[in-house]
PDB file of all heavy atoms in Angstrom:
ATOM      1  N   ASN A   1       0.843  -1.179   0.000  1.00  0.00           N
ATOM      2  CA  ASN A   1       0.000   0.000   0.000  1.00  0.00           C
ATOM      3  C   ASN A   1       0.886   1.239   0.000  1.00  0.00           C
ATOM      4  O   ASN A   1       2.049   1.177   0.366  1.00  0.00           O
ATOM      5  CB  ASN A   1      -0.920   0.035   1.214  1.00  0.00           C
ATOM      6  CG  ASN A   1      -1.821  -1.172   1.307  1.00  0.00           C
ATOM      7  OD1 ASN A   1      -1.469  -2.171   1.919  1.00  0.00           O
ATOM      8  ND2 ASN A   1      -2.994  -1.074   0.691  1.00  0.00           N
ATOM      9  N   SER A   2       0.315   2.329  -0.408  1.00  0.00           N
ATOM     10  CA  SER A   2       1.026   3.606  -0.388  1.00  0.00           C
ATOM     11  C   SER A   2       0.141   4.639   0.287  1.00  0.00           C
ATOM     12  O   SER A   2      -0.139   5.700  -0.271  1.00  0.00           O
ATOM     13  CB  SER A   2       1.388   4.037  -1.811  1.00  0.00           C
ATOM     14  OG  SER A   2       2.271   3.119  -2.423  1.00  0.00           O
ATOM     15  N   VAL A   3      -0.270   4.319   1.486  1.00  0.00           N
ATOM     16  CA  VAL A   3      -1.202   5.159   2.215  1.00  0.00           C
ATOM     17  C   VAL A   3      -0.472   6.004   3.245  1.00  0.00           C
ATOM     18  O   VAL A   3       0.297   5.484   4.046  1.00  0.00           O
ATOM     19  CB  VAL A   3      -2.269   4.314   2.922  1.00  0.00           C
ATOM     20  CG1 VAL A   3      -3.234   5.205   3.695  1.00  0.00           C
ATOM     21  CG2 VAL A   3      -3.028   3.470   1.910  1.00  0.00           C
ATOM     22  N   THR A   4      -0.718   7.280   3.205  1.00  0.00           N
ATOM     23  CA  THR A   4      -0.194   8.195   4.214  1.00  0.00           C
ATOM     24  C   THR A   4      -1.338   8.998   4.798  1.00  0.00           C
ATOM     25  O   THR A   4      -2.307   9.317   4.106  1.00  0.00           O
ATOM     26  CB  THR A   4       0.864   9.153   3.646  1.00  0.00           C
ATOM     27  OG1 THR A   4       0.305   9.899   2.560  1.00  0.00           O
ATOM     28  CG2 THR A   4       2.077   8.380   3.144  1.00  0.00           C
ATOM     29  N   THR A   5      -1.220   9.322   6.061  1.00  0.00           N
ATOM     30  CA  THR A   5      -2.244  10.087   6.753  1.00  0.00           C
ATOM     31  C   THR A   5      -1.574  11.169   7.582  1.00  0.00           C
ATOM     32  O   THR A   5      -0.536  10.934   8.195  1.00  0.00           O
ATOM     33  CB  THR A   5      -3.093   9.184   7.669  1.00  0.00           C
ATOM     34  OG1 THR A   5      -3.652   8.111   6.901  1.00  0.00           O
ATOM     35  CG2 THR A   5      -4.230   9.971   8.306  1.00  0.00           C
ATOM     36  N   TYR A   6      -2.185  12.351   7.597  1.00  0.00           N
ATOM     37  CA  TYR A   6      -1.630  13.472   8.337  1.00  0.00           C
ATOM     38  C   TYR A   6      -2.690  14.109   9.218  1.00  0.00           C
ATOM     39  O   TYR A   6      -3.857  14.214   8.835  1.00  0.00           O
ATOM     40  CB  TYR A   6      -1.088  14.541   7.389  1.00  0.00           C
ATOM     41  CG  TYR A   6       0.004  14.060   6.475  1.00  0.00           C
ATOM     42  CD1 TYR A   6      -0.287  13.536   5.222  1.00  0.00           C
ATOM     43  CD2 TYR A   6       1.337  14.122   6.868  1.00  0.00           C
ATOM     44  CE1 TYR A   6       0.723  13.087   4.386  1.00  0.00           C
ATOM     45  CE2 TYR A   6       2.345  13.673   6.035  1.00  0.00           C
ATOM     46  CZ  TYR A   6       2.035  13.159   4.794  1.00  0.00           C
ATOM     47  OH  TYR A   6       3.035  12.716   3.965  1.00  0.00           O
ATOM     48  N   ASP A   7      -2.253  14.542  10.371  1.00  0.00           N
ATOM     49  CA  ASP A   7      -3.126  15.353  11.185  1.00  0.00           C
ATOM     50  C   ASP A   7      -3.337  16.692  10.482  1.00  0.00           C
ATOM     51  O   ASP A   7      -2.441  17.189   9.797  1.00  0.00           O
ATOM     52  CB  ASP A   7      -2.517  15.577  12.569  1.00  0.00           C
ATOM     53  CG  ASP A   7      -3.431  16.355  13.483  1.00  0.00           C
ATOM     54  OD1 ASP A   7      -4.393  15.776  14.009  1.00  0.00           O
ATOM     55  OD2 ASP A   7      -3.172  17.566  13.669  1.00  0.00           O
ATOM     56  N   ASP A   8      -4.516  17.264  10.654  1.00  0.00           N
ATOM     57  CA  ASP A   8      -4.822  18.526   9.983  1.00  0.00           C
ATOM     58  C   ASP A   8      -3.838  19.645  10.333  1.00  0.00           C
ATOM     59  O   ASP A   8      -3.602  20.539   9.525  1.00  0.00           O
ATOM     60  CB  ASP A   8      -6.246  18.980  10.323  1.00  0.00           C
ATOM     61  CG  ASP A   8      -7.306  18.145   9.631  1.00  0.00           C
ATOM     62  OD1 ASP A   8      -6.970  17.474   8.635  1.00  0.00           O
ATOM     63  OD2 ASP A   8      -8.461  18.172  10.080  1.00  0.00           O
ATOM     64  N   SER A   9      -3.274  19.581  11.510  1.00  0.00           N
ATOM     65  CA  SER A   9      -2.367  20.632  11.948  1.00  0.00           C
ATOM     66  C   SER A   9      -1.058  20.662  11.166  1.00  0.00           C
ATOM     67  O   SER A   9      -0.358  21.675  11.168  1.00  0.00           O
ATOM     68  CB  SER A   9      -2.064  20.489  13.444  1.00  0.00           C
ATOM     69  OG  SER A   9      -1.339  19.304  13.714  1.00  0.00           O
ATOM     70  N   VAL A  10      -0.722  19.557  10.503  1.00  0.00           N
ATOM     71  CA  VAL A  10       0.542  19.482   9.766  1.00  0.00           C
ATOM     72  C   VAL A  10       0.337  19.218   8.282  1.00  0.00           C
ATOM     73  O   VAL A  10       1.311  19.249   7.510  1.00  0.00           O
ATOM     74  CB  VAL A  10       1.477  18.407  10.352  1.00  0.00           C
ATOM     75  CG1 VAL A  10       1.705  18.650  11.833  1.00  0.00           C
ATOM     76  CG2 VAL A  10       0.917  17.011  10.119  1.00  0.00           C
ATOM     77  N   LYS A  11      -0.876  18.981   7.868  1.00  0.00           N
ATOM     78  CA  LYS A  11      -1.165  18.675   6.475  1.00  0.00           C
ATOM     79  C   LYS A  11      -0.710  19.816   5.566  1.00  0.00           C
ATOM     80  O   LYS A  11      -0.999  20.979   5.813  1.00  0.00           O
ATOM     81  CB  LYS A  11      -2.657  18.416   6.300  1.00  0.00           C
ATOM     82  CG  LYS A  11      -3.046  17.801   4.969  1.00  0.00           C
ATOM     83  CD  LYS A  11      -4.518  17.398   4.972  1.00  0.00           C
ATOM     84  CE  LYS A  11      -4.800  16.338   6.025  1.00  0.00           C
ATOM     85  NZ  LYS A  11      -6.225  15.911   6.019  1.00  0.00           N
ATOM     86  N   GLY A  12       0.009  19.453   4.521  1.00  0.00           N
ATOM     87  CA  GLY A  12       0.530  20.447   3.599  1.00  0.00           C
ATOM     88  C   GLY A  12       1.896  20.965   3.975  1.00  0.00           C
ATOM     89  O   GLY A  12       2.558  21.621   3.162  1.00  0.00           O
ATOM     90  N   ARG A  13       2.334  20.673   5.205  1.00  0.00           N
ATOM     91  CA  ARG A  13       3.637  21.136   5.664  1.00  0.00           C
ATOM     92  C   ARG A  13       4.602  19.976   5.926  1.00  0.00           C
ATOM     93  O   ARG A  13       5.799  20.113   5.729  1.00  0.00           O
ATOM     94  CB  ARG A  13       3.499  21.959   6.942  1.00  0.00           C
ATOM     95  CG  ARG A  13       2.649  23.210   6.784  1.00  0.00           C
ATOM     96  CD  ARG A  13       2.723  24.086   8.029  1.00  0.00           C
ATOM     97  NE  ARG A  13       2.197  23.408   9.208  1.00  0.00           N
ATOM     98  CZ  ARG A  13       2.899  23.137  10.300  1.00  0.00           C
ATOM     99  NH1 ARG A  13       4.176  23.500  10.383  1.00  0.00           N
ATOM    100  NH2 ARG A  13       2.327  22.528  11.341  1.00  0.00           N
ATOM    101  N   PHE A  14       4.072  18.857   6.384  1.00  0.00           N
ATOM    102  CA  PHE A  14       4.894  17.693   6.705  1.00  0.00           C
ATOM    103  C   PHE A  14       4.688  16.607   5.659  1.00  0.00           C
ATOM    104  O   PHE A  14       3.591  16.454   5.112  1.00  0.00           O
ATOM    105  CB  PHE A  14       4.520  17.118   8.074  1.00  0.00           C
ATOM    106  CG  PHE A  14       4.897  17.972   9.253  1.00  0.00           C
ATOM    107  CD1 PHE A  14       5.301  19.293   9.099  1.00  0.00           C
ATOM    108  CD2 PHE A  14       4.839  17.444  10.534  1.00  0.00           C
ATOM    109  CE1 PHE A  14       5.638  20.077  10.186  1.00  0.00           C
ATOM    110  CE2 PHE A  14       5.173  18.214  11.635  1.00  0.00           C
ATOM    111  CZ  PHE A  14       5.570  19.530  11.462  1.00  0.00           C
ATOM    112  N   THR A  15       5.730  15.838   5.406  1.00  0.00           N
ATOM    113  CA  THR A  15       5.662  14.726   4.475  1.00  0.00           C
ATOM    114  C   THR A  15       6.341  13.507   5.075  1.00  0.00           C
ATOM    115  O   THR A  15       7.490  13.583   5.506  1.00  0.00           O
ATOM    116  CB  THR A  15       6.334  15.068   3.133  1.00  0.00           C
ATOM    117  OG1 THR A  15       5.712  16.216   2.551  1.00  0.00           O
ATOM    118  CG2 THR A  15       6.200  13.893   2.164  1.00  0.00           C
ATOM    119  N   ILE A  16       5.628  12.386   5.101  1.00  0.00           N
ATOM    120  CA  ILE A  16       6.193  11.143   5.600  1.00  0.00           C
ATOM    121  C   ILE A  16       6.536  10.240   4.415  1.00  0.00           C
ATOM    122  O   ILE A  16       5.787  10.164   3.442  1.00  0.00           O
ATOM    123  CB  ILE A  16       5.226  10.444   6.582  1.00  0.00           C
ATOM    124  CG1 ILE A  16       5.909   9.253   7.264  1.00  0.00           C
ATOM    125  CG2 ILE A  16       3.940  10.022   5.888  1.00  0.00           C
ATOM    126  CD1 ILE A  16       5.091   8.671   8.412  1.00  0.00           C
ATOM    127  N   SER A  17       7.662   9.573   4.494  1.00  0.00           N
ATOM    128  CA  SER A  17       8.102   8.691   3.421  1.00  0.00           C
ATOM    129  C   SER A  17       8.892   7.522   3.998  1.00  0.00           C
ATOM    130  O   SER A  17       9.257   7.533   5.177  1.00  0.00           O
ATOM    131  CB  SER A  17       8.945   9.453   2.392  1.00  0.00           C
ATOM    132  OG  SER A  17      10.111   9.988   2.987  1.00  0.00           O
ATOM    133  N   ARG A  18       9.159   6.527   3.169  1.00  0.00           N
ATOM    134  CA  ARG A  18       9.878   5.342   3.620  1.00  0.00           C
ATOM    135  C   ARG A  18      10.976   4.967   2.636  1.00  0.00           C
ATOM    136  O   ARG A  18      10.906   5.257   1.442  1.00  0.00           O
ATOM    137  CB  ARG A  18       8.910   4.174   3.797  1.00  0.00           C
ATOM    138  CG  ARG A  18       8.191   3.779   2.510  1.00  0.00           C
ATOM    139  CD  ARG A  18       6.994   2.901   2.778  1.00  0.00           C
ATOM    140  NE  ARG A  18       6.249   2.635   1.551  1.00  0.00           N
ATOM    141  CZ  ARG A  18       5.021   2.163   1.500  1.00  0.00           C
ATOM    142  NH1 ARG A  18       4.370   1.886   2.631  1.00  0.00           N
ATOM    143  NH2 ARG A  18       4.421   1.955   0.335  1.00  0.00           N
ATOM    144  N   ASP A  19      11.984   4.308   3.137  1.00  0.00           N
ATOM    145  CA  ASP A  19      13.090   3.809   2.334  1.00  0.00           C
ATOM    146  C   ASP A  19      13.375   2.396   2.823  1.00  0.00           C
ATOM    147  O   ASP A  19      14.015   2.203   3.861  1.00  0.00           O
ATOM    148  CB  ASP A  19      14.319   4.703   2.483  1.00  0.00           C
ATOM    149  CG  ASP A  19      15.465   4.302   1.569  1.00  0.00           C
ATOM    150  OD1 ASP A  19      15.526   3.134   1.146  1.00  0.00           O
ATOM    151  OD2 ASP A  19      16.315   5.166   1.280  1.00  0.00           O
ATOM    152  N   TYR A  20      12.899   1.404   2.089  1.00  0.00           N
ATOM    153  CA  TYR A  20      13.046   0.020   2.524  1.00  0.00           C
ATOM    154  C   TYR A  20      14.501  -0.434   2.552  1.00  0.00           C
ATOM    155  O   TYR A  20      14.875  -1.258   3.386  1.00  0.00           O
ATOM    156  CB  TYR A  20      12.230  -0.898   1.621  1.00  0.00           C
ATOM    157  CG  TYR A  20      10.742  -0.745   1.784  1.00  0.00           C
ATOM    158  CD1 TYR A  20       9.914  -0.595   0.676  1.00  0.00           C
ATOM    159  CD2 TYR A  20      10.153  -0.757   3.051  1.00  0.00           C
ATOM    160  CE1 TYR A  20       8.547  -0.456   0.822  1.00  0.00           C
ATOM    161  CE2 TYR A  20       8.795  -0.615   3.205  1.00  0.00           C
ATOM    162  CZ  TYR A  20       7.992  -0.466   2.086  1.00  0.00           C
ATOM    163  OH  TYR A  20       6.633  -0.329   2.238  1.00  0.00           O
ATOM    164  N   ALA A  21      15.307   0.078   1.647  1.00  0.00           N
ATOM    165  CA  ALA A  21      16.711  -0.306   1.602  1.00  0.00           C
ATOM    166  C   ALA A  21      17.433   0.092   2.879  1.00  0.00           C
ATOM    167  O   ALA A  21      18.357  -0.586   3.326  1.00  0.00           O
ATOM    168  CB  ALA A  21      17.399   0.311   0.390  1.00  0.00           C
ATOM    169  N   LYS A  22      17.011   1.191   3.472  1.00  0.00           N
ATOM    170  CA  LYS A  22      17.633   1.687   4.700  1.00  0.00           C
ATOM    171  C   LYS A  22      16.801   1.399   5.939  1.00  0.00           C
ATOM    172  O   LYS A  22      17.178   1.784   7.041  1.00  0.00           O
ATOM    173  CB  LYS A  22      17.881   3.188   4.589  1.00  0.00           C
ATOM    174  CG  LYS A  22      18.840   3.584   3.481  1.00  0.00           C
ATOM    175  CD  LYS A  22      19.025   5.091   3.436  1.00  0.00           C
ATOM    176  CE  LYS A  22      20.004   5.486   2.347  1.00  0.00           C
ATOM    177  NZ  LYS A  22      20.189   6.958   2.283  1.00  0.00           N
ATOM    178  N   ASN A  23      15.656   0.730   5.745  1.00  0.00           N
ATOM    179  CA  ASN A  23      14.747   0.443   6.854  1.00  0.00           C
ATOM    180  C   ASN A  23      14.415   1.712   7.638  1.00  0.00           C
ATOM    181  O   ASN A  23      14.359   1.717   8.870  1.00  0.00           O
ATOM    182  CB  ASN A  23      15.339  -0.608   7.794  1.00  0.00           C
ATOM    183  CG  ASN A  23      14.588  -1.931   7.729  1.00  0.00           C
ATOM    184  OD1 ASN A  23      14.132  -2.348   6.659  1.00  0.00           O
ATOM    185  ND2 ASN A  23      14.464  -2.595   8.871  1.00  0.00           N
ATOM    186  N   THR A  24      14.169   2.771   6.895  1.00  0.00           N
ATOM    187  CA  THR A  24      14.012   4.082   7.498  1.00  0.00           C
ATOM    188  C   THR A  24      12.735   4.777   7.045  1.00  0.00           C
ATOM    189  O   THR A  24      12.371   4.720   5.875  1.00  0.00           O
ATOM    190  CB  THR A  24      15.220   4.975   7.152  1.00  0.00           C
ATOM    191  OG1 THR A  24      16.408   4.386   7.677  1.00  0.00           O
ATOM    192  CG2 THR A  24      15.053   6.369   7.741  1.00  0.00           C
ATOM    193  N   VAL A  25      12.089   5.431   7.986  1.00  0.00           N
ATOM    194  CA  VAL A  25      10.953   6.297   7.697  1.00  0.00           C
ATOM    195  C   VAL A  25      11.361   7.719   8.037  1.00  0.00           C
ATOM    196  O   VAL A  25      11.954   7.969   9.087  1.00  0.00           O
ATOM    197  CB  VAL A  25       9.708   5.891   8.499  1.00  0.00           C
ATOM    198  CG1 VAL A  25       8.596   6.929   8.344  1.00  0.00           C
ATOM    199  CG2 VAL A  25       9.208   4.532   8.023  1.00  0.00           C
ATOM    200  N   THR A  26      11.044   8.631   7.149  1.00  0.00           N
ATOM    201  CA  THR A  26      11.447  10.021   7.312  1.00  0.00           C
ATOM    202  C   THR A  26      10.229  10.923   7.429  1.00  0.00           C
ATOM    203  O   THR A  26       9.218  10.710   6.756  1.00  0.00           O
ATOM    204  CB  THR A  26      12.305  10.474   6.122  1.00  0.00           C
ATOM    205  OG1 THR A  26      13.498   9.684   6.065  1.00  0.00           O
ATOM    206  CG2 THR A  26      12.693  11.937   6.253  1.00  0.00           C
ATOM    207  N   LEU A  27      10.332  11.910   8.284  1.00  0.00           N
ATOM    208  CA  LEU A  27       9.313  12.940   8.387  1.00  0.00           C
ATOM    209  C   LEU A  27       9.970  14.265   8.020  1.00  0.00           C
ATOM    210  O   LEU A  27      10.794  14.778   8.773  1.00  0.00           O
ATOM    211  CB  LEU A  27       8.735  13.009   9.800  1.00  0.00           C
ATOM    212  CG  LEU A  27       7.596  14.011   9.997  1.00  0.00           C
ATOM    213  CD1 LEU A  27       6.347  13.554   9.243  1.00  0.00           C
ATOM    214  CD2 LEU A  27       7.282  14.192  11.481  1.00  0.00           C
ATOM    215  N   GLU A  28       9.612  14.780   6.855  1.00  0.00           N
ATOM    216  CA  GLU A  28      10.132  16.062   6.407  1.00  0.00           C
ATOM    217  C   GLU A  28       9.170  17.160   6.853  1.00  0.00           C
ATOM    218  O   GLU A  28       7.993  17.131   6.507  1.00  0.00           O
ATOM    219  CB  GLU A  28      10.299  16.070   4.891  1.00  0.00           C
ATOM    220  CG  GLU A  28      11.308  15.053   4.378  1.00  0.00           C
ATOM    221  CD  GLU A  28      11.437  15.051   2.874  1.00  0.00           C
ATOM    222  OE1 GLU A  28      10.804  15.903   2.209  1.00  0.00           O
ATOM    223  OE2 GLU A  28      12.174  14.198   2.343  1.00  0.00           O
ATOM    224  N   MET A  29       9.688  18.089   7.602  1.00  0.00           N
ATOM    225  CA  MET A  29       8.873  19.150   8.160  1.00  0.00           C
ATOM    226  C   MET A  29       9.303  20.490   7.572  1.00  0.00           C
ATOM    227  O   MET A  29      10.477  20.838   7.626  1.00  0.00           O
ATOM    228  CB  MET A  29       9.002  19.181   9.684  1.00  0.00           C
ATOM    229  CG  MET A  29       8.698  17.842  10.351  1.00  0.00           C
ATOM    230  SD  MET A  29       8.801  17.913  12.162  1.00  0.00           S
ATOM    231  CE  MET A  29      10.561  18.226  12.366  1.00  0.00           C
ATOM    232  N   THR A  30       8.345  21.218   7.032  1.00  0.00           N
ATOM    233  CA  THR A  30       8.608  22.530   6.462  1.00  0.00           C
ATOM    234  C   THR A  30       7.647  23.541   7.064  1.00  0.00           C
ATOM    235  O   THR A  30       6.665  23.187   7.697  1.00  0.00           O
ATOM    236  CB  THR A  30       8.461  22.524   4.933  1.00  0.00           C
ATOM    237  OG1 THR A  30       7.109  22.208   4.575  1.00  0.00           O
ATOM    238  CG2 THR A  30       9.392  21.506   4.296  1.00  0.00           C
ATOM    239  N   SER A  31       7.949  24.813   6.835  1.00  0.00           N
ATOM    240  CA  SER A  31       7.121  25.899   7.362  1.00  0.00           C
ATOM    241  C   SER A  31       6.819  25.689   8.836  1.00  0.00           C
ATOM    242  O   SER A  31       5.677  25.827   9.288  1.00  0.00           O
ATOM    243  CB  SER A  31       5.816  26.007   6.562  1.00  0.00           C
ATOM    244  OG  SER A  31       6.076  26.249   5.196  1.00  0.00           O
ATOM    245  N   LEU A  32       7.842  25.373   9.582  1.00  0.00           N
ATOM    246  CA  LEU A  32       7.667  25.041  10.988  1.00  0.00           C
ATOM    247  C   LEU A  32       7.154  26.219  11.800  1.00  0.00           C
ATOM    248  O   LEU A  32       7.525  27.368  11.564  1.00  0.00           O
ATOM    249  CB  LEU A  32       8.979  24.536  11.569  1.00  0.00           C
ATOM    250  CG  LEU A  32       9.321  23.093  11.189  1.00  0.00           C
ATOM    251  CD1 LEU A  32      10.790  22.806  11.437  1.00  0.00           C
ATOM    252  CD2 LEU A  32       8.449  22.126  11.974  1.00  0.00           C
ATOM    253  N   LYS A  33       6.306  25.893  12.761  1.00  0.00           N
ATOM    254  CA  LYS A  33       5.710  26.869  13.645  1.00  0.00           C
ATOM    255  C   LYS A  33       6.167  26.600  15.071  1.00  0.00           C
ATOM    256  O   LYS A  33       6.546  25.487  15.409  1.00  0.00           O
ATOM    257  CB  LYS A  33       4.182  26.798  13.573  1.00  0.00           C
ATOM    258  CG  LYS A  33       3.605  26.942  12.183  1.00  0.00           C
ATOM    259  CD  LYS A  33       2.102  26.713  12.192  1.00  0.00           C
ATOM    260  CE  LYS A  33       1.518  26.844  10.806  1.00  0.00           C
ATOM    261  NZ  LYS A  33       0.042  26.588  10.812  1.00  0.00           N
ATOM    262  N   VAL A  34       6.096  27.615  15.896  1.00  0.00           N
ATOM    263  CA  VAL A  34       6.478  27.461  17.294  1.00  0.00           C
ATOM    264  C   VAL A  34       5.677  26.337  17.944  1.00  0.00           C
ATOM    265  O   VAL A  34       6.214  25.568  18.750  1.00  0.00           O
ATOM    266  CB  VAL A  34       6.288  28.777  18.068  1.00  0.00           C
ATOM    267  CG1 VAL A  34       6.518  28.569  19.559  1.00  0.00           C
ATOM    268  CG2 VAL A  34       7.233  29.839  17.536  1.00  0.00           C
ATOM    269  N   GLU A  35       4.413  26.224  17.587  1.00  0.00           N
ATOM    270  CA  GLU A  35       3.568  25.199  18.174  1.00  0.00           C
ATOM    271  C   GLU A  35       3.905  23.780  17.726  1.00  0.00           C
ATOM    272  O   GLU A  35       3.341  22.812  18.234  1.00  0.00           O
ATOM    273  CB  GLU A  35       2.082  25.485  17.898  1.00  0.00           C
ATOM    274  CG  GLU A  35       1.763  25.732  16.432  1.00  0.00           C
ATOM    275  CD  GLU A  35       1.700  27.203  16.086  1.00  0.00           C
ATOM    276  OE1 GLU A  35       2.580  27.961  16.546  1.00  0.00           O
ATOM    277  OE2 GLU A  35       0.763  27.605  15.368  1.00  0.00           O
ATOM    278  N   ASP A  36       4.823  23.649  16.777  1.00  0.00           N
ATOM    279  CA  ASP A  36       5.303  22.334  16.380  1.00  0.00           C
ATOM    280  C   ASP A  36       6.347  21.801  17.356  1.00  0.00           C
ATOM    281  O   ASP A  36       6.721  20.630  17.282  1.00  0.00           O
ATOM    282  CB  ASP A  36       5.908  22.368  14.976  1.00  0.00           C
ATOM    283  CG  ASP A  36       4.883  22.617  13.891  1.00  0.00           C
ATOM    284  OD1 ASP A  36       3.765  22.065  13.986  1.00  0.00           O
ATOM    285  OD2 ASP A  36       5.200  23.349  12.940  1.00  0.00           O
ATOM    286  N   SER A  37       6.830  22.645  18.240  1.00  0.00           N
ATOM    287  CA  SER A  37       7.840  22.233  19.206  1.00  0.00           C
ATOM    288  C   SER A  37       7.305  21.113  20.095  1.00  0.00           C
ATOM    289  O   SER A  37       6.219  21.226  20.662  1.00  0.00           O
ATOM    290  CB  SER A  37       8.267  23.414  20.071  1.00  0.00           C
ATOM    291  OG  SER A  37       8.873  24.429  19.301  1.00  0.00           O
TER     292      SER A  37
END
């Protein structure tokens, strides 16, 4: 599957992805806000 889900507070700003070769999941965060702390 290629299903991703985001909370409304981060939708459009955060991106989750996976890399099976590295067994790694990444969360790319942009347009960060103080409340993201």
